[in-house]
Amino acid sequence: QLLQTIVEMANIERQRGEYSRQLDKIDSQNHIDDW
């Protein structure tokens, strides 16, 4: 049970990091496209 909880937390942390990267990419990609 403890191992499953740790794995689930790792997956959510990885997904959160992806959300953060996509959030930052919106502005940077928009600047690239605009240039």
Full PDB file with SEQRES, HELIX, SHEET, SSBOND, CRYST1, ORIGX, SCALE, CONECT and MASTER records, all heavy atoms in Angstrom:
SEQRES   1 A   35  GLN LEU LEU GLN THR ILE VAL GLU MET ALA ASN ILE GLU          
SEQRES   2 A   35  ARG GLN ARG GLY GLU TYR SER ARG GLN LEU ASP LYS ILE          
SEQRES   3 A   35  ASP SER GLN ASN HIS ILE ASP ASP TRP                          
HELIX    1 AA1 LEU A    2  ASP A   34  1                                  33    
CRYST1    1.000    1.000    1.000  90.00  90.00  90.00 P 1           1          
ORIGX1      1.000000  0.000000  0.000000        0.00000                         
ORIGX2      0.000000  1.000000  0.000000        0.00000                         
ORIGX3      0.000000  0.000000  1.000000        0.00000                         
SCALE1      1.000000  0.000000  0.000000        0.00000                         
SCALE2      0.000000  1.000000  0.000000        0.00000                         
SCALE3      0.000000  0.000000  1.000000        0.00000                         
ATOM      1  N   GLN A   1       0.831  -1.200   0.000  1.00  0.00           N  
ATOM      2  CA  GLN A   1       0.000   0.000   0.000  1.00  0.00           C  
ATOM      3  C   GLN A   1       0.866   1.251   0.000  1.00  0.00           C  
ATOM      4  O   GLN A   1       0.589   2.226  -0.708  1.00  0.00           O  
ATOM      5  CB  GLN A   1      -0.909  -0.017   1.236  1.00  0.00           C  
ATOM      6  CG  GLN A   1      -1.881   1.155   1.303  1.00  0.00           C  
ATOM      7  CD  GLN A   1      -2.917   1.117   0.198  1.00  0.00           C  
ATOM      8  OE1 GLN A   1      -3.349   0.039  -0.213  1.00  0.00           O  
ATOM      9  NE2 GLN A   1      -3.287   2.284  -0.298  1.00  0.00           N  
ATOM     10  N   LEU A   2       1.932   1.247   0.785  1.00  0.00           N  
ATOM     11  CA  LEU A   2       2.839   2.406   0.817  1.00  0.00           C  
ATOM     12  C   LEU A   2       3.518   2.618  -0.529  1.00  0.00           C  
ATOM     13  O   LEU A   2       3.663   3.746  -1.010  1.00  0.00           O  
ATOM     14  CB  LEU A   2       3.881   2.199   1.922  1.00  0.00           C  
ATOM     15  CG  LEU A   2       4.967   3.267   2.033  1.00  0.00           C  
ATOM     16  CD1 LEU A   2       4.345   4.632   2.327  1.00  0.00           C  
ATOM     17  CD2 LEU A   2       5.990   2.885   3.113  1.00  0.00           C  
ATOM     18  N   LEU A   3       3.945   1.504  -1.159  1.00  0.00           N  
ATOM     19  CA  LEU A   3       4.603   1.618  -2.464  1.00  0.00           C  
ATOM     20  C   LEU A   3       3.650   2.183  -3.523  1.00  0.00           C  
ATOM     21  O   LEU A   3       4.053   3.036  -4.343  1.00  0.00           O  
ATOM     22  CB  LEU A   3       5.104   0.244  -2.900  1.00  0.00           C  
ATOM     23  CG  LEU A   3       5.851   0.184  -4.234  1.00  0.00           C  
ATOM     24  CD1 LEU A   3       7.089   1.075  -4.178  1.00  0.00           C  
ATOM     25  CD2 LEU A   3       6.231  -1.255  -4.566  1.00  0.00           C  
ATOM     26  N   GLN A   4       2.399   1.754  -3.531  1.00  0.00           N  
ATOM     27  CA  GLN A   4       1.419   2.297  -4.488  1.00  0.00           C  
ATOM     28  C   GLN A   4       1.213   3.796  -4.283  1.00  0.00           C  
ATOM     29  O   GLN A   4       1.095   4.561  -5.251  1.00  0.00           O  
ATOM     30  CB  GLN A   4       0.094   1.545  -4.338  1.00  0.00           C  
ATOM     31  CG  GLN A   4       0.133   0.109  -4.828  1.00  0.00           C  
ATOM     32  CD  GLN A   4      -1.209  -0.575  -4.668  1.00  0.00           C  
ATOM     33  OE1 GLN A   4      -2.195   0.037  -4.250  1.00  0.00           O  
ATOM     34  NE2 GLN A   4      -1.257  -1.874  -4.974  1.00  0.00           N  
ATOM     35  N   THR A   5       1.161   4.211  -3.061  1.00  0.00           N  
ATOM     36  CA  THR A   5       0.993   5.647  -2.768  1.00  0.00           C  
ATOM     37  C   THR A   5       2.180   6.445  -3.278  1.00  0.00           C  
ATOM     38  O   THR A   5       2.035   7.534  -3.861  1.00  0.00           O  
ATOM     39  CB  THR A   5       0.815   5.854  -1.252  1.00  0.00           C  
ATOM     40  OG1 THR A   5      -0.311   5.094  -0.779  1.00  0.00           O  
ATOM     41  CG2 THR A   5       0.599   7.318  -0.942  1.00  0.00           C  
ATOM     42  N   ILE A   6       3.376   5.914  -3.070  1.00  0.00           N  
ATOM     43  CA  ILE A   6       4.589   6.623  -3.555  1.00  0.00           C  
ATOM     44  C   ILE A   6       4.580   6.721  -5.075  1.00  0.00           C  
ATOM     45  O   ILE A   6       4.890   7.776  -5.648  1.00  0.00           O  
ATOM     46  CB  ILE A   6       5.848   5.893  -3.039  1.00  0.00           C  
ATOM     47  CG1 ILE A   6       5.946   6.009  -1.513  1.00  0.00           C  
ATOM     48  CG2 ILE A   6       7.095   6.458  -3.712  1.00  0.00           C  
ATOM     49  CD1 ILE A   6       7.063   5.175  -0.904  1.00  0.00           C  
ATOM     50  N   VAL A   7       4.218   5.612  -5.747  1.00  0.00           N  
ATOM     51  CA  VAL A   7       4.176   5.632  -7.213  1.00  0.00           C  
ATOM     52  C   VAL A   7       3.131   6.627  -7.712  1.00  0.00           C  
ATOM     53  O   VAL A   7       3.361   7.392  -8.665  1.00  0.00           O  
ATOM     54  CB  VAL A   7       3.890   4.212  -7.743  1.00  0.00           C  
ATOM     55  CG1 VAL A   7       3.619   4.253  -9.250  1.00  0.00           C  
ATOM     56  CG2 VAL A   7       5.050   3.285  -7.447  1.00  0.00           C  
ATOM     57  N   GLU A   8       1.969   6.654  -7.101  1.00  0.00           N  
ATOM     58  CA  GLU A   8       0.910   7.576  -7.519  1.00  0.00           C  
ATOM     59  C   GLU A   8       1.344   9.024  -7.330  1.00  0.00           C  
ATOM     60  O   GLU A   8       1.072   9.892  -8.165  1.00  0.00           O  
ATOM     61  CB  GLU A   8      -0.353   7.280  -6.724  1.00  0.00           C  
ATOM     62  CG  GLU A   8      -1.577   8.055  -7.216  1.00  0.00           C  
ATOM     63  CD  GLU A   8      -2.850   7.617  -6.496  1.00  0.00           C  
ATOM     64  OE1 GLU A   8      -2.792   6.703  -5.652  1.00  0.00           O  
ATOM     65  OE2 GLU A   8      -3.915   8.211  -6.793  1.00  0.00           O  
ATOM     66  N   MET A   9       2.018   9.299  -6.222  1.00  0.00           N  
ATOM     67  CA  MET A   9       2.526  10.663  -5.998  1.00  0.00           C  
ATOM     68  C   MET A   9       3.554  11.056  -7.060  1.00  0.00           C  
ATOM     69  O   MET A   9       3.561  12.198  -7.547  1.00  0.00           O  
ATOM     70  CB  MET A   9       3.158  10.755  -4.602  1.00  0.00           C  
ATOM     71  CG  MET A   9       2.156  10.737  -3.472  1.00  0.00           C  
ATOM     72  SD  MET A   9       2.966  10.945  -1.861  1.00  0.00           S  
ATOM     73  CE  MET A   9       3.579  12.631  -2.010  1.00  0.00           C  
ATOM     74  N   ALA A  10       4.419  10.080  -7.446  1.00  0.00           N  
ATOM     75  CA  ALA A  10       5.424  10.378  -8.480  1.00  0.00           C  
ATOM     76  C   ALA A  10       4.760  10.691  -9.822  1.00  0.00           C  
ATOM     77  O   ALA A  10       5.172  11.619 -10.543  1.00  0.00           O  
ATOM     78  CB  ALA A  10       6.382   9.200  -8.614  1.00  0.00           C  
ATOM     79  N   ASN A  11       3.708   9.957 -10.160  1.00  0.00           N  
ATOM     80  CA  ASN A  11       3.001  10.208 -11.427  1.00  0.00           C  
ATOM     81  C   ASN A  11       2.342  11.586 -11.431  1.00  0.00           C  
ATOM     82  O   ASN A  11       2.396  12.326 -12.430  1.00  0.00           O  
ATOM     83  CB  ASN A  11       1.946   9.124 -11.663  1.00  0.00           C  
ATOM     84  CG  ASN A  11       2.571   7.774 -11.985  1.00  0.00           C  
ATOM     85  OD1 ASN A  11       3.700   7.702 -12.484  1.00  0.00           O  
ATOM     86  ND2 ASN A  11       1.848   6.690 -11.700  1.00  0.00           N  
ATOM     87  N   ILE A  12       1.719  11.924 -10.315  1.00  0.00           N  
ATOM     88  CA  ILE A  12       1.053  13.237 -10.241  1.00  0.00           C  
ATOM     89  C   ILE A  12       2.081  14.363 -10.278  1.00  0.00           C  
ATOM     90  O   ILE A  12       1.877  15.408 -10.907  1.00  0.00           O  
ATOM     91  CB  ILE A  12       0.178  13.305  -8.978  1.00  0.00           C  
ATOM     92  CG1 ILE A  12      -0.986  12.309  -9.100  1.00  0.00           C  
ATOM     93  CG2 ILE A  12      -0.366  14.719  -8.781  1.00  0.00           C  
ATOM     94  CD1 ILE A  12      -1.864  12.237  -7.873  1.00  0.00           C  
ATOM     95  N   GLU A  13       3.220  14.182  -9.605  1.00  0.00           N  
ATOM     96  CA  GLU A  13       4.270  15.205  -9.644  1.00  0.00           C  
ATOM     97  C   GLU A  13       4.798  15.384 -11.076  1.00  0.00           C  
ATOM     98  O   GLU A  13       5.074  16.512 -11.511  1.00  0.00           O  
ATOM     99  CB  GLU A  13       5.399  14.819  -8.685  1.00  0.00           C  
ATOM    100  CG  GLU A  13       5.045  14.993  -7.221  1.00  0.00           C  
ATOM    101  CD  GLU A  13       6.161  14.515  -6.311  1.00  0.00           C  
ATOM    102  OE1 GLU A  13       7.125  13.905  -6.857  1.00  0.00           O  
ATOM    103  OE2 GLU A  13       6.085  14.731  -5.093  1.00  0.00           O  
ATOM    104  N   ARG A  14       4.977  14.248 -11.766  1.00  0.00           N  
ATOM    105  CA  ARG A  14       5.420  14.353 -13.164  1.00  0.00           C  
ATOM    106  C   ARG A  14       4.369  15.072 -14.038  1.00  0.00           C  
ATOM    107  O   ARG A  14       4.711  15.920 -14.871  1.00  0.00           O  
ATOM    108  CB  ARG A  14       5.699  12.959 -13.719  1.00  0.00           C  
ATOM    109  CG  ARG A  14       6.268  12.995 -15.145  1.00  0.00           C  
ATOM    110  CD  ARG A  14       6.734  11.614 -15.604  1.00  0.00           C  
ATOM    111  NE  ARG A  14       5.636  10.659 -15.624  1.00  0.00           N  
ATOM    112  CZ  ARG A  14       5.468   9.682 -14.736  1.00  0.00           C  
ATOM    113  NH1 ARG A  14       6.342   9.543 -13.734  1.00  0.00           N  
ATOM    114  NH2 ARG A  14       4.439   8.839 -14.796  1.00  0.00           N  
ATOM    115  N   GLN A  15       3.089  14.781 -13.835  1.00  0.00           N  
ATOM    116  CA  GLN A  15       2.033  15.437 -14.596  1.00  0.00           C  
ATOM    117  C   GLN A  15       1.979  16.929 -14.271  1.00  0.00           C  
ATOM    118  O   GLN A  15       1.780  17.762 -15.159  1.00  0.00           O  
ATOM    119  CB  GLN A  15       0.686  14.780 -14.277  1.00  0.00           C  
ATOM    120  CG  GLN A  15      -0.461  15.255 -15.157  1.00  0.00           C  
ATOM    121  CD  GLN A  15      -0.264  14.871 -16.604  1.00  0.00           C  
ATOM    122  OE1 GLN A  15       0.110  13.743 -16.895  1.00  0.00           O  
ATOM    123  NE2 GLN A  15      -0.470  15.807 -17.504  1.00  0.00           N  
ATOM    124  N   ARG A  16       2.186  17.247 -12.985  1.00  0.00           N  
ATOM    125  CA  ARG A  16       2.188  18.666 -12.601  1.00  0.00           C  
ATOM    126  C   ARG A  16       3.337  19.412 -13.279  1.00  0.00           C  
ATOM    127  O   ARG A  16       3.189  20.555 -13.730  1.00  0.00           O  
ATOM    128  CB  ARG A  16       2.305  18.790 -11.078  1.00  0.00           C  
ATOM    129  CG  ARG A  16       2.201  20.231 -10.585  1.00  0.00           C  
ATOM    130  CD  ARG A  16       2.510  20.335  -9.105  1.00  0.00           C  
ATOM    131  NE  ARG A  16       2.317  21.676  -8.622  1.00  0.00           N  
ATOM    132  CZ  ARG A  16       3.161  22.696  -8.836  1.00  0.00           C  
ATOM    133  NH1 ARG A  16       4.291  22.483  -9.527  1.00  0.00           N  
ATOM    134  NH2 ARG A  16       2.905  23.892  -8.337  1.00  0.00           N  
ATOM    135  N   GLY A  17       4.502  18.742 -13.329  1.00  0.00           N  
ATOM    136  CA  GLY A  17       5.630  19.374 -14.026  1.00  0.00           C  
ATOM    137  C   GLY A  17       5.329  19.615 -15.501  1.00  0.00           C  
ATOM    138  O   GLY A  17       5.728  20.646 -16.074  1.00  0.00           O  
ATOM    139  N   GLU A  18       4.627  18.680 -16.141  1.00  0.00           N  
ATOM    140  CA  GLU A  18       4.260  18.855 -17.535  1.00  0.00           C  
ATOM    141  C   GLU A  18       3.279  20.020 -17.711  1.00  0.00           C  
ATOM    142  O   GLU A  18       3.397  20.807 -18.653  1.00  0.00           O  
ATOM    143  CB  GLU A  18       3.633  17.551 -18.067  1.00  0.00           C  
ATOM    144  CG  GLU A  18       3.236  17.598 -19.537  1.00  0.00           C  
ATOM    145  CD  GLU A  18       4.415  17.730 -20.464  1.00  0.00           C  
ATOM    146  OE1 GLU A  18       5.559  17.426 -20.037  1.00  0.00           O  
ATOM    147  OE2 GLU A  18       4.210  18.158 -21.625  1.00  0.00           O  
ATOM    148  N   TYR A  19       2.344  20.140 -16.779  1.00  0.00           N  
ATOM    149  CA  TYR A  19       1.412  21.276 -16.831  1.00  0.00           C  
ATOM    150  C   TYR A  19       2.169  22.597 -16.698  1.00  0.00           C  
ATOM    151  O   TYR A  19       1.884  23.574 -17.412  1.00  0.00           O  
ATOM    152  CB  TYR A  19       0.380  21.159 -15.710  1.00  0.00           C  
ATOM    153  CG  TYR A  19      -0.606  20.030 -15.884  1.00  0.00           C  
ATOM    154  CD1 TYR A  19      -1.205  19.424 -14.774  1.00  0.00           C  
ATOM    155  CD2 TYR A  19      -0.933  19.565 -17.156  1.00  0.00           C  
ATOM    156  CE1 TYR A  19      -2.102  18.382 -14.932  1.00  0.00           C  
ATOM    157  CE2 TYR A  19      -1.833  18.513 -17.317  1.00  0.00           C  
ATOM    158  CZ  TYR A  19      -2.405  17.923 -16.208  1.00  0.00           C  
ATOM    159  OH  TYR A  19      -3.296  16.893 -16.371  1.00  0.00           O  
ATOM    160  N   SER A  20       3.120  22.635 -15.812  1.00  0.00           N  
ATOM    161  CA  SER A  20       3.907  23.868 -15.622  1.00  0.00           C  
ATOM    162  C   SER A  20       4.709  24.195 -16.880  1.00  0.00           C  
ATOM    163  O   SER A  20       4.818  25.368 -17.280  1.00  0.00           O  
ATOM    164  CB  SER A  20       4.842  23.713 -14.423  1.00  0.00           C  
ATOM    165  OG  SER A  20       4.113  23.495 -13.228  1.00  0.00           O  
ATOM    166  N   ARG A  21       5.289  23.163 -17.484  1.00  0.00           N  
ATOM    167  CA  ARG A  21       6.063  23.404 -18.709  1.00  0.00           C  
ATOM    168  C   ARG A  21       5.167  23.911 -19.842  1.00  0.00           C  
ATOM    169  O   ARG A  21       5.535  24.838 -20.559  1.00  0.00           O  
ATOM    170  CB  ARG A  21       6.762  22.110 -19.132  1.00  0.00           C  
ATOM    171  CG  ARG A  21       7.799  22.289 -20.232  1.00  0.00           C  
ATOM    172  CD  ARG A  21       8.398  20.962 -20.621  1.00  0.00           C  
ATOM    173  NE  ARG A  21       7.431  20.143 -21.319  1.00  0.00           N  
ATOM    174  CZ  ARG A  21       7.161  20.262 -22.627  1.00  0.00           C  
ATOM    175  NH1 ARG A  21       7.785  21.175 -23.348  1.00  0.00           N  
ATOM    176  NH2 ARG A  21       6.274  19.470 -23.190  1.00  0.00           N  
ATOM    177  N   GLN A  22       3.986  23.323 -19.985  1.00  0.00           N  
ATOM    178  CA  GLN A  22       3.055  23.770 -21.019  1.00  0.00           C  
ATOM    179  C   GLN A  22       2.586  25.201 -20.752  1.00  0.00           C  
ATOM    180  O   GLN A  22       2.396  25.992 -21.691  1.00  0.00           O  
ATOM    181  CB  GLN A  22       1.851  22.829 -21.085  1.00  0.00           C  
ATOM    182  CG  GLN A  22       2.171  21.436 -21.622  1.00  0.00           C  
ATOM    183  CD  GLN A  22       2.545  21.464 -23.094  1.00  0.00           C  
ATOM    184  OE1 GLN A  22       2.225  22.392 -23.821  1.00  0.00           O  
ATOM    185  NE2 GLN A  22       3.261  20.439 -23.528  1.00  0.00           N  
ATOM    186  N   LEU A  23       2.405  25.528 -19.485  1.00  0.00           N  
ATOM    187  CA  LEU A  23       1.999  26.893 -19.136  1.00  0.00           C  
ATOM    188  C   LEU A  23       3.068  27.910 -19.530  1.00  0.00           C  
ATOM    189  O   LEU A  23       2.768  28.972 -20.079  1.00  0.00           O  
ATOM    190  CB  LEU A  23       1.725  26.967 -17.632  1.00  0.00           C  
ATOM    191  CG  LEU A  23       1.267  28.337 -17.093  1.00  0.00           C  
ATOM    192  CD1 LEU A  23      -0.048  28.755 -17.732  1.00  0.00           C  
ATOM    193  CD2 LEU A  23       1.147  28.306 -15.570  1.00  0.00           C  
ATOM    194  N   ASP A  24       4.334  27.570 -19.247  1.00  0.00           N  
ATOM    195  CA  ASP A  24       5.419  28.482 -19.640  1.00  0.00           C  
ATOM    196  C   ASP A  24       5.595  28.522 -21.163  1.00  0.00           C  
ATOM    197  O   ASP A  24       5.986  29.554 -21.715  1.00  0.00           O  
ATOM    198  CB  ASP A  24       6.731  28.039 -18.982  1.00  0.00           C  
ATOM    199  CG  ASP A  24       6.662  28.151 -17.462  1.00  0.00           C  
ATOM    200  OD1 ASP A  24       5.840  28.948 -16.976  1.00  0.00           O  
ATOM    201  OD2 ASP A  24       7.427  27.423 -16.780  1.00  0.00           O  
ATOM    202  N   LYS A  25       5.314  27.396 -21.819  1.00  0.00           N  
ATOM    203  CA  LYS A  25       5.521  27.326 -23.271  1.00  0.00           C  
ATOM    204  C   LYS A  25       4.509  28.158 -24.044  1.00  0.00           C  
ATOM    205  O   LYS A  25       4.782  28.569 -25.182  1.00  0.00           O  
ATOM    206  CB  LYS A  25       5.435  25.859 -23.726  1.00  0.00           C  
ATOM    207  CG  LYS A  25       5.812  25.643 -25.177  1.00  0.00           C  
ATOM    208  CD  LYS A  25       5.748  24.171 -25.542  1.00  0.00           C  
ATOM    209  CE  LYS A  25       6.101  23.970 -27.018  1.00  0.00           C  
ATOM    210  NZ  LYS A  25       6.037  22.545 -27.408  1.00  0.00           N  
ATOM    211  N   ILE A  26       3.352  28.417 -23.455  1.00  0.00           N  
ATOM    212  CA  ILE A  26       2.343  29.205 -24.174  1.00  0.00           C  
ATOM    213  C   ILE A  26       2.913  30.549 -24.584  1.00  0.00           C  
ATOM    214  O   ILE A  26       2.814  30.964 -25.742  1.00  0.00           O  
ATOM    215  CB  ILE A  26       1.081  29.371 -23.296  1.00  0.00           C  
ATOM    216  CG1 ILE A  26       0.348  28.037 -23.182  1.00  0.00           C  
ATOM    217  CG2 ILE A  26       0.150  30.422 -23.896  1.00  0.00           C  
ATOM    218  CD1 ILE A  26      -0.861  28.096 -22.270  1.00  0.00           C  
ATOM    219  N   ASP A  27       3.533  31.246 -23.653  1.00  0.00           N  
ATOM    220  CA  ASP A  27       4.094  32.573 -23.966  1.00  0.00           C  
ATOM    221  C   ASP A  27       5.322  32.466 -24.853  1.00  0.00           C  
ATOM    222  O   ASP A  27       5.474  33.233 -25.815  1.00  0.00           O  
ATOM    223  CB  ASP A  27       4.442  33.303 -22.664  1.00  0.00           C  
ATOM    224  CG  ASP A  27       3.192  33.726 -21.899  1.00  0.00           C  
ATOM    225  OD1 ASP A  27       2.144  33.960 -22.549  1.00  0.00           O  
ATOM    226  OD2 ASP A  27       3.245  33.812 -20.658  1.00  0.00           O  
ATOM    227  N   SER A  28       6.227  31.523 -24.564  1.00  0.00           N  
ATOM    228  CA  SER A  28       7.454  31.425 -25.364  1.00  0.00           C  
ATOM    229  C   SER A  28       7.143  30.999 -26.801  1.00  0.00           C  
ATOM    230  O   SER A  28       7.695  31.560 -27.760  1.00  0.00           O  
ATOM    231  CB  SER A  28       8.416  30.427 -24.714  1.00  0.00           C  
ATOM    232  OG  SER A  28       7.828  29.125 -24.627  1.00  0.00           O  
ATOM    233  N   GLN A  29       6.254  30.000 -26.964  1.00  0.00           N  
ATOM    234  CA  GLN A  29       5.897  29.569 -28.310  1.00  0.00           C  
ATOM    235  C   GLN A  29       5.163  30.670 -29.072  1.00  0.00           C  
ATOM    236  O   GLN A  29       5.348  30.842 -30.280  1.00  0.00           O  
ATOM    237  CB  GLN A  29       5.027  28.305 -28.246  1.00  0.00           C  
ATOM    238  CG  GLN A  29       4.720  27.692 -29.610  1.00  0.00           C  
ATOM    239  CD  GLN A  29       5.970  27.224 -30.315  1.00  0.00           C  
ATOM    240  OE1 GLN A  29       6.838  26.607 -29.689  1.00  0.00           O  
ATOM    241  NE2 GLN A  29       6.092  27.513 -31.603  1.00  0.00           N  
ATOM    242  N   ASN A  30       4.348  31.419 -28.354  1.00  0.00           N  
ATOM    243  CA  ASN A  30       3.657  32.542 -28.993  1.00  0.00           C  
ATOM    244  C   ASN A  30       4.653  33.582 -29.493  1.00  0.00           C  
ATOM    245  O   ASN A  30       4.499  34.136 -30.597  1.00  0.00           O  
ATOM    246  CB  ASN A  30       2.685  33.174 -27.997  1.00  0.00           C  
ATOM    247  CG  ASN A  30       1.897  34.319 -28.612  1.00  0.00           C  
ATOM    248  OD1 ASN A  30       1.027  34.129 -29.449  1.00  0.00           O  
ATOM    249  ND2 ASN A  30       2.231  35.534 -28.204  1.00  0.00           N  
ATOM    250  N   HIS A  31       5.700  33.852 -28.707  1.00  0.00           N  
ATOM    251  CA  HIS A  31       6.730  34.792 -29.140  1.00  0.00           C  
ATOM    252  C   HIS A  31       7.470  34.256 -30.366  1.00  0.00           C  
ATOM    253  O   HIS A  31       7.764  35.006 -31.313  1.00  0.00           O  
ATOM    254  CB  HIS A  31       7.718  35.062 -27.997  1.00  0.00           C  
ATOM    255  CG  HIS A  31       7.244  36.106 -27.044  1.00  0.00           C  
ATOM    256  ND1 HIS A  31       6.164  35.908 -26.211  1.00  0.00           N  
ATOM    257  CD2 HIS A  31       7.694  37.368 -26.795  1.00  0.00           C  
ATOM    258  CE1 HIS A  31       5.969  37.002 -25.483  1.00  0.00           C  
ATOM    259  NE2 HIS A  31       6.888  37.905 -25.812  1.00  0.00           N  
ATOM    260  N   ILE A  32       7.781  32.963 -30.349  1.00  0.00           N  
ATOM    261  CA  ILE A  32       8.476  32.377 -31.509  1.00  0.00           C  
ATOM    262  C   ILE A  32       7.629  32.493 -32.766  1.00  0.00           C  
ATOM    263  O   ILE A  32       8.112  32.906 -33.836  1.00  0.00           O  
ATOM    264  CB  ILE A  32       8.814  30.902 -31.216  1.00  0.00           C  
ATOM    265  CG1 ILE A  32       9.854  30.802 -30.091  1.00  0.00           C  
ATOM    266  CG2 ILE A  32       9.333  30.213 -32.477  1.00  0.00           C  
ATOM    267  CD1 ILE A  32      10.119  29.376 -29.625  1.00  0.00           C  
ATOM    268  N   ASP A  33       6.351  32.141 -32.654  1.00  0.00           N  
ATOM    269  CA  ASP A  33       5.457  32.230 -33.814  1.00  0.00           C  
ATOM    270  C   ASP A  33       5.289  33.672 -34.284  1.00  0.00           C  
ATOM    271  O   ASP A  33       5.258  33.949 -35.493  1.00  0.00           O  
ATOM    272  CB  ASP A  33       4.090  31.638 -33.469  1.00  0.00           C  
ATOM    273  CG  ASP A  33       4.160  30.138 -33.197  1.00  0.00           C  
ATOM    274  OD1 ASP A  33       5.144  29.503 -33.645  1.00  0.00           O  
ATOM    275  OD2 ASP A  33       3.243  29.614 -32.535  1.00  0.00           O  
ATOM    276  N   ASP A  34       5.196  34.599 -33.326  1.00  0.00           N  
ATOM    277  CA  ASP A  34       5.022  36.005 -33.705  1.00  0.00           C  
ATOM    278  C   ASP A  34       6.257  36.549 -34.415  1.00  0.00           C  
ATOM    279  O   ASP A  34       6.141  37.316 -35.388  1.00  0.00           O  
ATOM    280  CB  ASP A  34       4.723  36.853 -32.466  1.00  0.00           C  
ATOM    281  CG  ASP A  34       3.285  36.677 -31.992  1.00  0.00           C  
ATOM    282  OD1 ASP A  34       2.488  36.103 -32.759  1.00  0.00           O  
ATOM    283  OD2 ASP A  34       2.965  37.094 -30.862  1.00  0.00           O  
ATOM    284  N   TRP A  35       7.442  36.171 -33.948  1.00  0.00           N  
ATOM    285  CA  TRP A  35       8.664  36.635 -34.617  1.00  0.00           C  
ATOM    286  C   TRP A  35       8.750  36.082 -36.038  1.00  0.00           C  
ATOM    287  O   TRP A  35       9.139  36.803 -36.968  1.00  0.00           O  
ATOM    288  CB  TRP A  35       9.903  36.208 -33.812  1.00  0.00           C  
ATOM    289  CG  TRP A  35      10.231  37.114 -32.662  1.00  0.00           C  
ATOM    290  CD1 TRP A  35      10.199  36.809 -31.342  1.00  0.00           C  
ATOM    291  CD2 TRP A  35      10.614  38.492 -32.750  1.00  0.00           C  
ATOM    292  NE1 TRP A  35      10.541  37.896 -30.581  1.00  0.00           N  
ATOM    293  CE2 TRP A  35      10.812  38.948 -31.421  1.00  0.00           C  
ATOM    294  CE3 TRP A  35      10.815  39.381 -33.800  1.00  0.00           C  
ATOM    295  CZ2 TRP A  35      11.187  40.245 -31.132  1.00  0.00           C  
ATOM    296  CZ3 TRP A  35      11.201  40.687 -33.511  1.00  0.00           C  
ATOM    297  CH2 TRP A  35      11.380  41.107 -32.198  1.00  0.00           C  
TER     298      TRP A  35                                                      
MASTER        0    0    0    1    0    0    0    6  297    1    0    3          
END                                                                             
